[in-house]
Amino acid sequence: MDTGYFLDNKICRLLVEDEITYAIQYTCKNMDTLNEYQEKCAPQLQEKHNKRYRGKFGAFRTLLKIIH
């Protein structure tokens, strides 16, 4: 959130009993803002995260459009 590219974020825990899984959701103003973040900030932040938590997490990214 400190990058200034996101309007909001949510940290959610999946409701499954056999494991602990979290999902993190960020909200951007528009696709241009997201594209700029992905170009200017994401690679460095992902590298920093990977170094700190290597082997302790799995990650995937997906885009959602807010309908309502």
C-alpha atoms as a PDB file:
ATOM      1  CA  MET A   1       0.000   0.000   0.000  1.00  0.00           C
ATOM      2  CA  ASP A   2       2.945   2.320   0.549  1.00  0.00           C
ATOM      3  CA  THR A   3       3.490   2.558  -3.216  1.00  0.00           C
ATOM      4  CA  GLY A   4       0.466   4.830  -3.661  1.00  0.00           C
ATOM      5  CA  TYR A   5      -0.882   2.750  -6.544  1.00  0.00           C
ATOM      6  CA  PHE A   6      -3.680   1.044  -4.603  1.00  0.00           C
ATOM      7  CA  LEU A   7      -6.925   2.429  -3.206  1.00  0.00           C
ATOM      8  CA  ASP A   8      -7.640  -0.471  -0.846  1.00  0.00           C
ATOM      9  CA  ASN A   9      -6.416  -3.889   0.230  1.00  0.00           C
ATOM     10  CA  LYS A  10      -7.918  -6.885   1.989  1.00  0.00           C
ATOM     11  CA  ILE A  11      -6.284  -9.884   3.619  1.00  0.00           C
ATOM     12  CA  CYS A  12      -8.621 -12.885   3.701  1.00  0.00           C
ATOM     13  CA  ARG A  13      -8.260 -16.381   5.124  1.00  0.00           C
ATOM     14  CA  LEU A  14      -9.809 -19.210   3.127  1.00  0.00           C
ATOM     15  CA  LEU A  15     -12.390 -21.228   5.040  1.00  0.00           C
ATOM     16  CA  VAL A  16     -10.907 -24.705   4.727  1.00  0.00           C
ATOM     17  CA  GLU A  17     -10.086 -26.946   7.669  1.00  0.00           C
ATOM     18  CA  ASP A  18      -7.093 -28.916   6.427  1.00  0.00           C
ATOM     19  CA  GLU A  19      -4.725 -26.012   5.738  1.00  0.00           C
ATOM     20  CA  ILE A  20      -4.141 -22.324   6.365  1.00  0.00           C
ATOM     21  CA  THR A  21      -4.383 -20.281   3.176  1.00  0.00           C
ATOM     22  CA  TYR A  22      -4.596 -16.532   2.735  1.00  0.00           C
ATOM     23  CA  ALA A  23      -5.625 -14.359  -0.202  1.00  0.00           C
ATOM     24  CA  ILE A  24      -4.573 -10.754  -0.540  1.00  0.00           C
ATOM     25  CA  GLN A  25      -6.675  -8.458  -2.707  1.00  0.00           C
ATOM     26  CA  TYR A  26      -5.664  -5.004  -3.912  1.00  0.00           C
ATOM     27  CA  THR A  27      -7.908  -2.425  -5.599  1.00  0.00           C
ATOM     28  CA  CYS A  28      -6.584   0.003  -8.234  1.00  0.00           C
ATOM     29  CA  LYS A  29      -8.233   3.042  -9.765  1.00  0.00           C
ATOM     30  CA  ASN A  30      -7.850   1.662 -13.315  1.00  0.00           C
ATOM     31  CA  MET A  31      -5.780  -0.607 -15.561  1.00  0.00           C
ATOM     32  CA  ASP A  32      -3.294   2.157 -16.374  1.00  0.00           C
ATOM     33  CA  THR A  33      -2.484   2.450 -12.669  1.00  0.00           C
ATOM     34  CA  LEU A  34      -2.052  -1.313 -12.372  1.00  0.00           C
ATOM     35  CA  ASN A  35       0.168  -1.453 -15.455  1.00  0.00           C
ATOM     36  CA  GLU A  36       2.362   1.333 -14.087  1.00  0.00           C
ATOM     37  CA  TYR A  37       2.666  -0.466 -10.729  1.00  0.00           C
ATOM     38  CA  GLN A  38       3.558  -3.733 -12.472  1.00  0.00           C
ATOM     39  CA  GLU A  39       6.228  -1.989 -14.508  1.00  0.00           C
ATOM     40  CA  LYS A  40       7.767   0.273 -11.857  1.00  0.00           C
ATOM     41  CA  CYS A  41       7.308  -1.455  -8.484  1.00  0.00           C
ATOM     42  CA  ALA A  42       6.178  -5.073  -8.706  1.00  0.00           C
ATOM     43  CA  PRO A  43       9.448  -6.731  -9.798  1.00  0.00           C
ATOM     44  CA  GLN A  44      11.469  -5.257  -6.916  1.00  0.00           C
ATOM     45  CA  LEU A  45       8.777  -5.973  -4.310  1.00  0.00           C
ATOM     46  CA  GLN A  46       8.322  -9.549  -5.537  1.00  0.00           C
ATOM     47  CA  GLU A  47      12.076 -10.145  -5.419  1.00  0.00           C
ATOM     48  CA  LYS A  48      12.265  -8.791  -1.858  1.00  0.00           C
ATOM     49  CA  HIS A  49       9.333 -11.002  -0.798  1.00  0.00           C
ATOM     50  CA  ASN A  50      10.830 -14.069  -2.510  1.00  0.00           C
ATOM     51  CA  LYS A  51      14.158 -13.612  -0.728  1.00  0.00           C
ATOM     52  CA  ARG A  52      12.479 -13.286   2.663  1.00  0.00           C
ATOM     53  CA  TYR A  53       9.938 -16.125   2.332  1.00  0.00           C
ATOM     54  CA  ARG A  54      11.521 -18.462  -0.241  1.00  0.00           C
ATOM     55  CA  GLY A  55      10.020 -21.946  -0.015  1.00  0.00           C
ATOM     56  CA  LYS A  56       7.332 -20.875   2.451  1.00  0.00           C
ATOM     57  CA  PHE A  57       4.610 -19.620   0.124  1.00  0.00           C
ATOM     58  CA  GLY A  58       2.887 -20.088  -3.191  1.00  0.00           C
ATOM     59  CA  ALA A  59       1.602 -17.225  -5.287  1.00  0.00           C
ATOM     60  CA  PHE A  60      -0.552 -16.604  -8.307  1.00  0.00           C
ATOM     61  CA  ARG A  61      -2.104 -13.456  -9.649  1.00  0.00           C
ATOM     62  CA  THR A  62      -5.447 -12.875 -11.292  1.00  0.00           C
ATOM     63  CA  LEU A  63      -7.414  -9.798 -12.335  1.00  0.00           C
ATOM     64  CA  LEU A  64     -10.985  -9.173 -11.223  1.00  0.00           C
ATOM     65  CA  LYS A  65     -13.388  -6.458 -12.330  1.00  0.00           C
ATOM     66  CA  ILE A  66     -15.620  -4.954  -9.649  1.00  0.00           C
ATOM     67  CA  ILE A  67     -19.211  -5.196 -10.881  1.00  0.00           C
ATOM     68  CA  HIS A  68     -21.063  -3.736  -7.915  1.00  0.00           C
END
